[in-house]
Protein backbone atom coordinates (compact mmCIF):
# COMPACT_ATOMS: atom_id res chain seq x y z
CA MET A 1 70.56 -4.24 196.91
CA THR A 2 68.83 -1.48 198.85
CA SER A 3 72.12 -0.16 200.19
CA LEU A 4 73.71 -0.31 196.73
CA THR A 5 70.80 1.64 195.21
CA ALA A 6 71.04 4.30 197.89
CA LEU A 7 74.82 4.57 197.53
CA ARG A 8 74.67 4.76 193.77
CA ASN A 9 72.14 7.56 193.71
CA ARG A 10 74.02 9.58 196.31
CA ALA A 11 77.17 9.18 194.18
CA VAL A 12 75.30 10.24 191.03
CA GLY A 13 74.04 13.34 192.81
CA ALA A 14 77.51 14.29 194.06
CA LEU A 15 79.31 13.64 190.76
CA GLY A 16 76.52 15.26 188.71
CA ARG A 17 77.65 18.69 189.88
CA VAL A 18 80.47 18.49 187.36
CA SER A 19 79.77 18.13 183.63
CA MET A 20 80.48 14.74 182.14
CA TYR A 21 83.19 16.07 179.82
CA ARG A 22 84.89 18.02 182.58
CA PHE A 23 84.79 15.00 184.89
CA VAL A 24 86.28 12.65 182.27
CA LEU A 25 88.96 15.26 181.55
CA MET A 26 89.89 15.45 185.22
CA ALA A 27 90.05 11.65 185.53
CA LEU A 28 92.26 11.22 182.47
CA SER A 29 94.52 14.09 183.49
CA LEU A 30 95.05 12.54 186.90
CA LEU A 31 95.76 9.19 185.29
CA ALA A 32 98.35 10.86 183.05
CA VAL A 33 100.06 12.44 186.06
CA ILE A 34 100.13 9.05 187.81
CA ALA A 35 101.63 7.43 184.70
CA PHE A 36 104.29 10.13 184.48
CA VAL A 37 105.28 9.65 188.12
CA LEU A 38 105.44 5.86 187.66
CA THR A 39 107.60 6.31 184.55
CA VAL A 40 109.98 8.62 186.40
CA ALA A 41 110.14 6.00 189.18
CA GLY A 42 111.01 3.31 186.65
CA GLN A 43 107.79 1.34 187.19
CA ILE A 44 106.77 1.89 183.57
CA ALA A 45 109.28 1.46 180.75
CA GLY A 46 110.12 4.47 178.60
CA ASP A 47 111.51 7.98 178.67
CA PRO A 48 109.48 10.15 181.07
CA LEU A 49 109.88 13.12 178.74
CA ALA A 50 108.08 11.19 175.99
CA LEU A 51 104.78 11.44 177.86
CA PRO A 52 104.42 15.25 177.95
CA VAL A 53 105.91 15.66 174.50
CA SER A 54 103.53 13.11 172.98
CA LEU A 55 100.58 14.69 174.74
CA VAL A 56 101.47 18.13 173.41
CA VAL A 57 101.79 16.78 169.87
CA LEU A 58 98.47 14.93 170.05
CA ALA A 59 96.65 17.89 171.60
CA ALA A 60 98.07 20.35 169.07
CA ALA A 61 97.06 18.20 166.09
CA ILE A 62 93.56 17.67 167.44
CA ILE A 63 93.05 21.30 168.47
CA VAL A 64 94.16 22.64 165.08
CA VAL A 65 91.76 20.38 163.16
CA ASP A 66 88.96 21.06 165.67
CA ALA A 67 89.46 24.83 165.48
CA VAL A 68 89.33 24.84 161.68
CA ALA A 69 86.29 22.55 161.51
CA GLN A 70 84.37 24.45 164.17
CA ARG A 71 85.04 27.75 162.46
CA LEU A 72 83.89 26.41 159.09
CA LEU A 73 80.73 24.95 160.64
CA GLY A 74 80.05 27.93 162.88
CA ARG A 75 79.97 25.90 166.06
CA THR A 76 81.27 26.67 169.53
CA TRP A 77 84.74 25.29 170.09
CA ARG A 78 85.02 23.03 173.12
CA ILE A 79 88.62 22.44 174.13
CA GLU A 80 87.62 19.79 176.70
CA SER A 81 86.62 17.36 173.95
CA ALA A 82 89.91 17.88 172.11
CA VAL A 83 92.05 17.31 175.20
CA ILE A 84 90.05 14.22 176.21
CA THR A 85 90.72 12.65 172.82
CA ALA A 86 94.41 13.52 173.11
CA LEU A 87 94.64 11.93 176.57
CA ILE A 88 92.92 8.74 175.42
CA LEU A 89 95.30 8.44 172.45
CA LEU A 90 98.23 9.03 174.81
CA PHE A 91 97.38 5.79 176.60
CA VAL A 92 96.51 3.85 173.42
CA LEU A 93 99.56 4.81 171.32
CA ARG A 94 103.20 4.51 172.32
CA PRO A 95 104.65 7.78 173.65
CA THR A 96 107.86 8.58 171.81
CA LEU A 97 110.55 11.18 171.13
CA ASP A 98 111.42 9.72 167.72
CA PRO A 99 110.65 12.21 164.89
CA ALA A 100 108.86 9.61 162.76
CA GLY A 101 106.85 8.42 165.77
CA ILE A 102 105.91 12.00 166.60
CA ALA A 103 104.67 12.42 163.04
CA GLY A 104 102.57 9.30 163.50
CA LEU A 105 101.05 10.72 166.68
CA ALA A 106 100.15 13.91 164.79
CA VAL A 107 98.50 11.87 162.02
CA ALA A 108 96.46 9.86 164.58
CA GLY A 109 95.36 13.04 166.36
CA ALA A 110 94.34 14.76 163.13
CA VAL A 111 92.39 11.73 161.94
CA ALA A 112 90.65 11.40 165.32
CA SER A 113 89.57 15.02 165.22
CA ALA A 114 88.47 14.90 161.57
CA SER A 115 86.35 11.78 162.22
CA LYS A 116 84.10 13.88 164.53
CA TYR A 117 82.97 15.84 161.48
CA LEU A 118 83.52 13.59 158.47
CA LEU A 119 82.23 10.38 160.08
CA ALA A 120 79.14 11.79 161.77
CA TRP A 121 75.40 11.64 161.23
CA ARG A 122 73.09 14.45 162.35
CA GLY A 123 75.49 15.62 165.03
CA ARG A 124 76.27 12.11 166.28
CA HIS A 125 79.67 10.40 166.06
CA ILE A 126 79.55 7.14 164.14
CA PHE A 127 82.91 6.04 165.51
CA ASN A 128 84.82 6.75 168.68
CA PRO A 129 87.31 9.43 167.52
CA ALA A 130 90.31 8.05 169.41
CA ALA A 131 89.64 4.53 168.10
CA ALA A 132 89.38 5.88 164.54
CA GLY A 133 92.71 7.72 164.85
CA ALA A 134 94.50 4.73 166.37
CA THR A 135 93.14 2.38 163.72
CA VAL A 136 94.27 4.57 160.82
CA LEU A 137 97.75 4.86 162.31
CA THR A 138 97.96 1.07 162.78
CA VAL A 139 97.00 0.51 159.13
CA LEU A 140 99.56 3.09 157.99
CA SER A 141 102.22 1.36 160.09
CA ILE A 142 102.11 -1.64 157.77
CA PRO A 143 103.89 0.16 154.90
CA PHE A 144 105.47 2.77 157.21
CA PRO A 145 106.46 0.98 160.43
CA ASP A 146 108.42 3.96 161.80
CA LEU A 147 105.15 5.88 162.31
CA GLY A 148 104.24 3.56 165.17
CA ALA A 149 100.95 1.83 165.95
CA SER A 150 98.53 1.27 168.78
CA ALA A 151 100.26 -0.27 171.82
CA TRP A 152 97.71 -0.03 174.66
CA TRP A 153 100.48 0.39 177.22
CA VAL A 154 97.78 1.51 179.66
CA GLY A 155 97.32 -2.21 180.28
CA SER A 156 100.37 -2.17 182.54
CA PRO A 157 99.66 -3.92 185.89
CA VAL A 158 100.94 -0.91 187.84
CA LEU A 159 98.17 1.20 186.29
CA ALA A 160 95.40 -1.30 186.99
CA VAL A 161 94.34 0.15 190.34
CA PRO A 162 94.30 3.81 189.20
CA VAL A 163 92.32 2.82 186.08
CA ILE A 164 89.81 0.87 188.20
CA LEU A 165 89.32 3.73 190.67
CA LEU A 166 89.17 6.60 188.17
CA GLY A 167 87.32 4.59 185.53
CA GLY A 168 84.81 3.46 188.13
CA LEU A 169 84.02 7.07 189.04
CA VAL A 170 83.57 7.93 185.37
CA LEU A 171 81.14 5.05 184.94
CA VAL A 172 79.13 6.15 187.96
CA ARG A 173 79.00 9.68 186.53
CA THR A 174 77.90 8.46 183.10
CA GLU A 175 75.64 5.75 184.64
CA LYS A 176 77.19 3.05 182.45
CA VAL A 177 78.39 0.69 185.20
CA ARG A 178 76.18 -2.22 184.13
CA VAL A 179 76.93 -1.79 180.42
CA VAL A 180 80.70 -1.84 180.95
CA ALA A 181 80.34 -4.70 183.42
CA VAL A 182 78.83 -6.80 180.60
CA PHE A 183 81.75 -5.84 178.38
CA LEU A 184 84.32 -6.76 181.01
CA VAL A 185 82.74 -10.12 181.82
CA VAL A 186 82.61 -11.10 178.15
CA ALA A 187 86.07 -9.75 177.33
CA VAL A 188 87.81 -11.43 180.27
CA ALA A 189 85.95 -14.73 179.75
CA VAL A 190 86.83 -14.84 176.04
CA ALA A 191 90.45 -13.81 176.76
CA LEU A 192 90.78 -16.62 179.32
CA VAL A 193 89.38 -19.17 176.87
CA ARG A 194 91.80 -17.94 174.22
CA THR A 195 94.68 -18.25 176.68
CA PHE A 196 93.74 -21.83 177.60
CA VAL A 197 93.44 -22.77 173.93
CA GLN A 198 96.81 -21.24 173.02
CA TYR A 199 98.62 -22.90 175.93
CA ALA A 200 96.98 -26.25 175.17
CA GLN A 201 98.19 -26.05 171.57
CA VAL A 202 101.81 -25.92 172.78
CA SER A 203 101.20 -28.33 175.69
CA LEU A 204 101.91 -25.78 178.41
CA PRO A 205 100.05 -25.63 181.74
CA VAL A 206 98.04 -22.55 182.69
CA ASP A 207 98.82 -21.37 186.21
CA ALA A 208 97.55 -18.51 188.37
CA THR A 209 100.29 -16.21 187.09
CA VAL A 210 99.05 -16.51 183.52
CA ILE A 211 95.45 -15.84 184.60
CA GLY A 212 96.61 -12.85 186.61
CA GLN A 213 98.30 -11.41 183.54
CA VAL A 214 95.06 -11.67 181.58
CA LEU A 215 93.16 -9.85 184.31
CA TRP A 216 95.68 -7.15 185.23
CA SER A 217 97.75 -6.66 182.07
CA SER A 218 94.89 -6.13 179.63
CA PRO A 219 93.55 -2.72 178.54
CA PHE A 220 89.93 -3.86 178.98
CA LEU A 221 89.31 -1.60 181.98
CA PHE A 222 90.51 1.53 180.17
CA LEU A 223 88.68 0.63 176.97
CA GLY A 224 85.41 0.10 178.79
CA ALA A 225 85.51 3.08 181.14
CA PHE A 226 86.87 5.78 178.84
CA MET A 227 85.92 4.69 175.31
CA LEU A 228 83.03 2.23 175.20
CA SER A 229 81.03 4.38 177.66
CA GLU A 230 81.03 7.45 175.38
CA PRO A 231 77.31 8.43 175.14
CA LEU A 232 77.52 9.71 171.54
CA THR A 233 78.55 6.27 170.24
CA LEU A 234 76.08 4.19 172.31
CA PRO A 235 72.56 3.21 171.25
CA PRO A 236 69.52 4.59 173.13
CA ARG A 237 68.15 1.50 174.88
CA ARG A 238 69.88 -0.52 177.58
CA ARG A 239 69.40 -3.91 175.93
CA GLN A 240 70.95 -2.46 172.76
CA GLN A 241 73.89 -1.15 174.80
CA TYR A 242 74.35 -4.62 176.32
CA ALA A 243 74.45 -6.11 172.83
CA VAL A 244 77.14 -3.64 171.73
CA ALA A 245 79.12 -4.25 174.93
CA ALA A 246 79.01 -8.03 174.45
CA LEU A 247 80.11 -7.77 170.81
CA VAL A 248 83.06 -5.47 171.63
CA GLY A 249 84.00 -7.70 174.56
CA ALA A 250 84.08 -10.81 172.39
CA LEU A 251 86.16 -9.18 169.65
CA ALA A 252 88.54 -7.54 172.14
CA GLY A 253 89.00 -10.73 174.12
CA TRP A 254 89.93 -12.80 171.07
CA PRO A 255 91.54 -10.55 168.44
CA ILE A 256 91.09 -11.75 164.90
CA LEU A 257 93.73 -11.28 162.22
CA ILE A 258 92.56 -9.77 158.93
CA GLY A 259 95.61 -9.90 156.73
CA ASP A 260 98.38 -8.27 158.74
CA VAL A 261 96.06 -6.25 160.95
CA SER A 262 94.70 -7.50 164.26
CA LEU A 263 90.98 -7.04 164.93
CA GLY A 264 91.36 -6.19 168.61
CA GLN A 265 90.83 -3.38 171.09
CA GLU A 266 90.13 -0.18 169.12
CA ARG A 267 89.14 -2.05 165.94
CA ALA A 268 86.72 -4.16 168.00
CA LEU A 269 85.25 -0.93 169.38
CA LEU A 270 84.74 0.46 165.87
CA ILE A 271 82.69 -2.61 164.92
CA GLY A 272 80.64 -2.10 168.09
CA ASN A 273 80.17 1.54 167.06
CA LEU A 274 78.71 0.38 163.76
CA LEU A 275 76.17 -1.82 165.56
CA ALA A 276 75.31 1.11 167.83
CA PHE A 277 74.81 3.38 164.82
CA PHE A 278 72.45 0.81 163.28
CA PHE A 279 70.34 0.98 166.46
CA ALA A 280 70.35 4.78 166.71
CA TYR A 281 70.94 6.33 163.29
CA ARG A 282 67.63 8.21 163.44
CA ALA A 283 68.00 9.55 166.97
CA ALA A 284 69.92 12.76 166.23
CA VAL A 285 67.76 15.57 164.78
CA ARG A 286 67.17 19.29 165.03
CA LEU A 287 64.31 20.95 166.89
CA THR A 288 62.89 24.37 166.05
CA PHE A 289 62.02 26.39 169.12
CA VAL A 290 58.40 27.61 169.15
CA GLU A 291 57.56 29.10 172.55
CA ARG A 292 58.04 28.95 176.34
CA THR A 293 55.17 28.85 178.81
CA ALA A 294 55.21 29.48 182.58
CA LEU A 295 53.67 26.53 184.46
CA THR A 296 54.62 27.45 188.03
CA PRO A 297 56.69 30.25 189.56
CA SER A 298 59.86 28.27 188.78
CA VAL A 299 58.95 25.81 185.99
CA ARG A 300 58.80 26.67 182.29
CA GLU A 301 57.61 24.45 179.46
CA LEU A 302 59.47 24.77 176.14
CA THR A 303 57.76 23.77 172.92
CA PHE A 304 59.63 22.72 169.79
CA ARG A 305 58.78 21.42 166.34
CA ALA A 306 60.65 18.26 165.33
CA HIS A 307 62.06 17.49 161.90
CA ARG A 308 62.97 14.34 159.96
CA GLY A 309 61.24 11.49 161.73
CA PHE A 310 61.92 12.24 165.38
CA ARG A 311 60.95 9.20 167.47
CA PHE A 312 60.78 8.40 171.16
CA ARG A 313 58.93 6.35 173.73
CA PRO A 314 57.08 7.94 176.69
CA GLY A 315 59.54 8.31 179.55
CA GLN A 316 62.68 8.72 177.43
CA TYR A 317 64.89 11.79 177.46
CA LEU A 318 66.72 13.85 174.84
CA GLU A 319 70.03 15.65 174.96
CA LEU A 320 69.62 19.23 173.80
CA GLU A 321 72.59 21.34 172.75
CA VAL A 322 72.50 25.12 173.07
CA PRO A 323 75.75 26.47 171.56
CA HIS A 324 76.91 29.63 173.33
CA ARG A 325 80.07 31.57 174.03
CA ARG A 326 82.16 30.78 177.08
CA PRO A 327 80.24 27.77 178.44
CA ASP A 328 80.86 26.93 182.08
CA ALA A 329 81.98 23.57 183.47
CA ARG A 330 78.62 21.95 182.68
CA GLY A 331 79.11 22.53 178.94
CA THR A 332 76.61 23.20 176.14
CA ARG A 333 74.44 20.08 176.45
CA ARG A 334 71.79 18.98 178.92
CA GLU A 335 69.45 16.02 179.20
CA PHE A 336 65.69 16.64 179.47
CA SER A 337 62.82 14.19 179.85
CA ILE A 338 60.30 14.64 177.07
CA VAL A 339 56.98 15.94 178.42
CA SER A 340 54.87 15.53 175.30
CA ALA A 341 53.48 12.22 174.05
CA PRO A 342 54.61 10.51 170.83
CA ALA A 343 51.07 10.96 169.53
CA GLU A 344 51.62 14.76 169.64
CA LEU A 345 54.52 14.72 167.18
CA PRO A 346 55.89 16.78 165.43
CA GLU A 347 55.35 18.88 168.55
CA VAL A 348 57.95 18.13 171.24
CA ARG A 349 57.91 19.66 174.72
CA ILE A 350 60.35 19.67 177.63
CA ALA A 351 60.30 21.47 180.97
CA ILE A 352 63.02 23.27 182.93
CA ARG A 353 63.31 24.70 186.40
CA GLU A 354 64.59 28.25 186.58
CA GLY A 355 66.93 29.58 189.23
CA SER A 356 70.24 28.11 188.08
CA GLN A 357 72.92 30.60 187.06
CA SER A 358 74.64 28.17 184.68
CA SER A 359 75.74 29.50 181.31
CA TYR A 360 73.51 26.88 179.65
CA LYS A 361 70.35 28.04 181.43
CA LYS A 362 71.13 31.66 180.59
CA ALA A 363 71.67 30.78 176.92
CA LEU A 364 68.50 28.70 176.77
CA ALA A 365 66.50 31.57 178.25
CA LEU A 366 67.68 33.81 175.36
CA VAL A 367 66.71 31.39 172.57
CA GLU A 368 64.29 33.10 170.19
CA PRO A 369 61.35 31.40 168.40
CA GLY A 370 62.40 29.97 165.05
CA ARG A 371 65.91 29.02 166.12
CA ASP A 372 67.04 25.48 165.41
CA LEU A 373 68.80 23.56 168.17
CA PRO A 374 70.51 20.17 167.73
CA VAL A 375 69.40 17.09 169.63
CA THR A 376 72.30 14.66 169.82
CA GLY A 377 70.08 11.69 170.64
CA VAL A 378 67.20 10.13 172.52
CA TRP A 379 67.96 7.67 175.32
CA GLY A 380 66.48 5.86 178.25
CA ASP A 381 64.67 2.78 179.51
CA PHE A 382 62.36 4.65 181.89
CA VAL A 383 59.30 3.22 180.16
CA LEU A 384 56.21 1.55 181.59
CA PRO A 385 55.83 -2.25 181.55
CA ALA A 386 54.69 -3.72 178.23
CA ARG A 387 51.82 -5.50 180.00
CA THR A 388 48.99 -3.05 180.54
CA ASP A 389 47.58 -5.16 183.42
CA ALA A 390 50.74 -4.62 185.52
CA LYS A 391 50.15 -2.42 188.55
CA VAL A 392 52.34 0.70 188.55
CA LEU A 393 53.51 3.22 191.16
CA LEU A 394 54.86 6.58 189.97
CA VAL A 395 56.88 8.65 192.47
CA ALA A 396 57.72 12.13 191.19
CA ALA A 397 59.68 14.87 192.92
CA GLY A 398 59.62 18.40 191.50
CA ILE A 399 60.72 18.56 187.88
CA GLY A 400 61.00 14.75 188.02
CA VAL A 401 57.31 14.60 187.10
CA THR A 402 58.12 15.27 183.43
CA PRO A 403 58.60 11.68 182.16
CA PHE A 404 55.36 10.67 183.88
CA VAL A 405 53.46 13.44 182.13
CA SER A 406 54.51 11.99 178.76
CA GLN A 407 53.42 8.51 179.83
CA LEU A 408 50.06 9.69 181.17
CA ARG A 409 49.38 11.77 178.08
CA GLU A 410 50.12 8.83 175.83
CA MET A 411 47.90 6.54 177.92
CA ARG A 412 45.00 9.00 177.68
CA MET A 413 45.38 9.68 173.95
CA ALA A 414 45.68 5.95 173.19
CA GLY A 415 42.71 5.03 175.38
CA GLU A 416 44.92 2.71 177.40
CA ARG A 417 43.77 1.65 180.88
CA ARG A 418 46.31 0.87 183.59
CA ASP A 419 46.22 0.54 187.36
CA VAL A 420 48.45 3.53 188.18
CA VAL A 421 49.00 5.35 191.48
CA MET A 422 51.12 8.51 191.76
CA VAL A 423 52.93 10.10 194.68
CA TYR A 424 53.80 13.72 193.77
CA VAL A 425 56.37 15.57 195.91
CA ALA A 426 56.85 19.34 195.56
CA SER A 427 58.30 22.11 197.70
CA ASP A 428 54.88 23.79 198.02
CA ALA A 429 51.44 23.65 196.41
CA GLU A 430 52.07 26.30 193.76
CA GLU A 431 54.99 24.21 192.38
CA LEU A 432 52.73 21.32 191.34
CA ALA A 433 53.33 21.46 187.59
CA PHE A 434 51.18 19.77 184.95
CA ARG A 435 48.16 19.47 187.24
CA ASP A 436 45.71 19.48 184.31
CA ASP A 437 47.51 16.67 182.50
CA ILE A 438 47.64 14.50 185.61
CA ILE A 439 44.01 15.20 186.51
CA ALA A 440 42.94 14.28 182.96
CA ALA A 441 44.60 10.87 183.42
CA GLY A 442 42.11 10.11 186.23
CA ILE A 443 44.60 8.30 188.45
CA PRO A 444 44.83 8.47 192.28
CA VAL A 445 47.45 11.03 193.31
CA MET A 446 48.90 11.60 196.78
CA VAL A 447 50.45 15.04 197.13
CA VAL A 448 53.38 15.75 199.48
CA THR A 449 53.80 19.52 199.99
CA ARG A 450 54.42 21.87 202.91
CA ASP A 451 51.08 23.63 202.42
CA GLU A 452 47.72 22.19 201.46
CA PRO A 453 46.85 22.66 197.76
CA ARG A 454 43.54 24.28 196.93
CA ASN A 455 40.72 22.72 194.92
CA LEU A 456 42.11 19.20 194.79
CA PRO A 457 40.02 16.80 192.67
CA ASP A 458 38.32 13.87 194.37
CA HIS A 459 41.01 11.34 193.43
CA TRP A 460 43.84 13.55 194.79
CA THR A 461 44.87 13.44 198.45
CA TRP A 462 47.12 15.80 200.40
CA THR A 463 49.22 13.74 202.80
CA GLY A 464 49.64 16.57 205.27
CA GLY A 465 53.41 16.08 205.39
CA ALA A 466 56.27 18.20 204.09
CA ARG A 467 58.64 15.30 203.45
CA LEU A 468 58.33 11.86 201.93
CA THR A 469 60.19 9.08 203.75
CA ALA A 470 60.49 5.35 203.19
CA ALA A 471 58.12 4.71 206.11
CA SER A 472 55.47 7.18 204.91
CA LEU A 473 55.69 5.83 201.35
CA ALA A 474 54.99 2.30 202.60
CA THR A 475 51.95 3.65 204.46
CA LEU A 476 50.62 5.67 201.51
CA VAL A 477 50.90 2.70 199.13
CA PRO A 478 49.87 -0.42 201.11
CA ASP A 479 49.99 -2.66 198.00
CA LEU A 480 53.53 -1.55 197.14
CA THR A 481 54.75 -5.15 196.87
CA GLU A 482 52.31 -5.73 193.99
CA ARG A 483 53.39 -2.73 191.96
CA HIS A 484 56.20 -1.91 189.52
CA ALA A 485 57.75 1.23 191.01
CA PHE A 486 59.11 4.13 188.95
CA ILE A 487 60.75 7.08 190.70
CA SER A 488 62.02 10.27 189.10
CA GLY A 489 63.70 13.05 191.04
CA PRO A 490 66.85 14.05 192.90
CA PRO A 491 69.29 11.18 193.64
CA ARG A 492 69.14 11.94 197.38
CA LEU A 493 65.36 11.30 197.48
CA ILE A 494 65.78 8.08 195.52
CA ALA A 495 68.42 6.96 197.99
CA ASP A 496 66.19 7.82 200.97
CA LEU A 497 63.24 5.88 199.54
CA ALA A 498 65.28 2.82 198.51
CA PRO A 499 64.34 0.77 201.65
CA ALA A 500 60.65 1.01 200.82
CA LEU A 501 60.95 0.83 197.01
CA SER A 502 63.06 -2.33 197.24
CA ARG A 503 59.86 -4.13 198.27
CA ALA A 504 58.15 -3.38 194.96
CA ARG A 505 57.93 -6.00 192.24
CA SER A 506 60.50 -4.00 190.26
CA LEU A 507 62.18 -0.64 190.57
CA THR A 508 63.19 1.75 187.78
CA THR A 509 64.88 5.04 188.63
CA ASP A 510 65.43 8.26 186.74
CA ALA A 511 67.78 10.50 188.73
CA PHE A 512 68.00 14.24 188.05
CA ALA A 513 71.53 15.25 188.99
CA GLY A 514 70.83 18.92 188.37
CA TYR A 515 71.35 21.45 185.59
């Protein structure tokens, strides 16, 4: 488990250098190239020319609707999102050169794009756009069969390995490995039960070949990695995400017929989207920017005023969108841990570290007081144990201190008493942000900086070291095995400390992959 934790956080750090949308786009594009090569080689049935033609038709339909909608709404147009939807639909629908089939692809693409704006709530998709487009086309195919319908040809066994490898990387980047694992286990288990039942009804034996077909010829891997994992259609808490994953898995594994339409794959995902929306329909709001305050030479605190029932738990994070022209590869959205406490609402505060030359950071620095910015949602399970008598260890590195500040503020304002110890790592003493808030909490703090901080309170200790290691952490916190450990900071540090933190009663991580 220690090795897996270290490996996972190193992978998150490496993949986090590319925006989520750009990374998914790269993975799907590579999968499309692989599919085209396999079709040319005769490993996948169909005309090779149908793949690029179908992709162009899908992309054109989506881009046209997106461009019109974005212009009407005054938003920044992001071509990555349009192409991602087109690529997903390419693998869900049947590529074709038939004129009627091409018209069907255009309809599916247009519906998928329109659903982002017509079926949305406070900036949040209610349904996965590709699933919505595929479902509408399938329903239309009942009276107009020449239009085509969803085929999920991506479930071909020759594509299984590429989907596993590329989908696995996407899940690591989006940190949805466990959620999709729940979906896959449920979907495969239900599909196997269905297979056994169907074969028993006709008195046929089930051999290894049949089981292999269920595992390698199903589109479950693609559905989970590239559609179910979409952040904008998932609920905020992990247990809620597990519930959605299990529901979609059950419905996808055993499709149900409603009239002449099968309730499977994309239709199962739409029902899961509805459950997710029920969990998170109040998460997307708008924040009005108030002011920015310098905390350290490189850290700035940004204060906002929330509208319409903004809610969160201490330790959770929000995704803030700053629309701007010509965004770079990281896009127009970033995730920030909330620094303020729920008791301070409607005031909401986050913190950022300056120095990055990303287009997002530059745009955020130019935001004027009074401007409204959309928050697409609030997520995270980085929350303290429900039992207040549980011993807790907080390990913060740099800007990773932000979720702990929210938790400590809420504890102080609620008069809550906990046995909490903090280890605070910073590059040097002047970069220790939120000192006053942490001091007010009255908890023991061990500081790891290159230089000795001045005027430390009695319950703060400078460790005298410039670097925190697994060995030094075990020495600083001798009762580590009795504590629930929480660590927030760069993935590399989390990976380095994994050997020591694995000895804690529990471990919860919050990796900052960078901005």
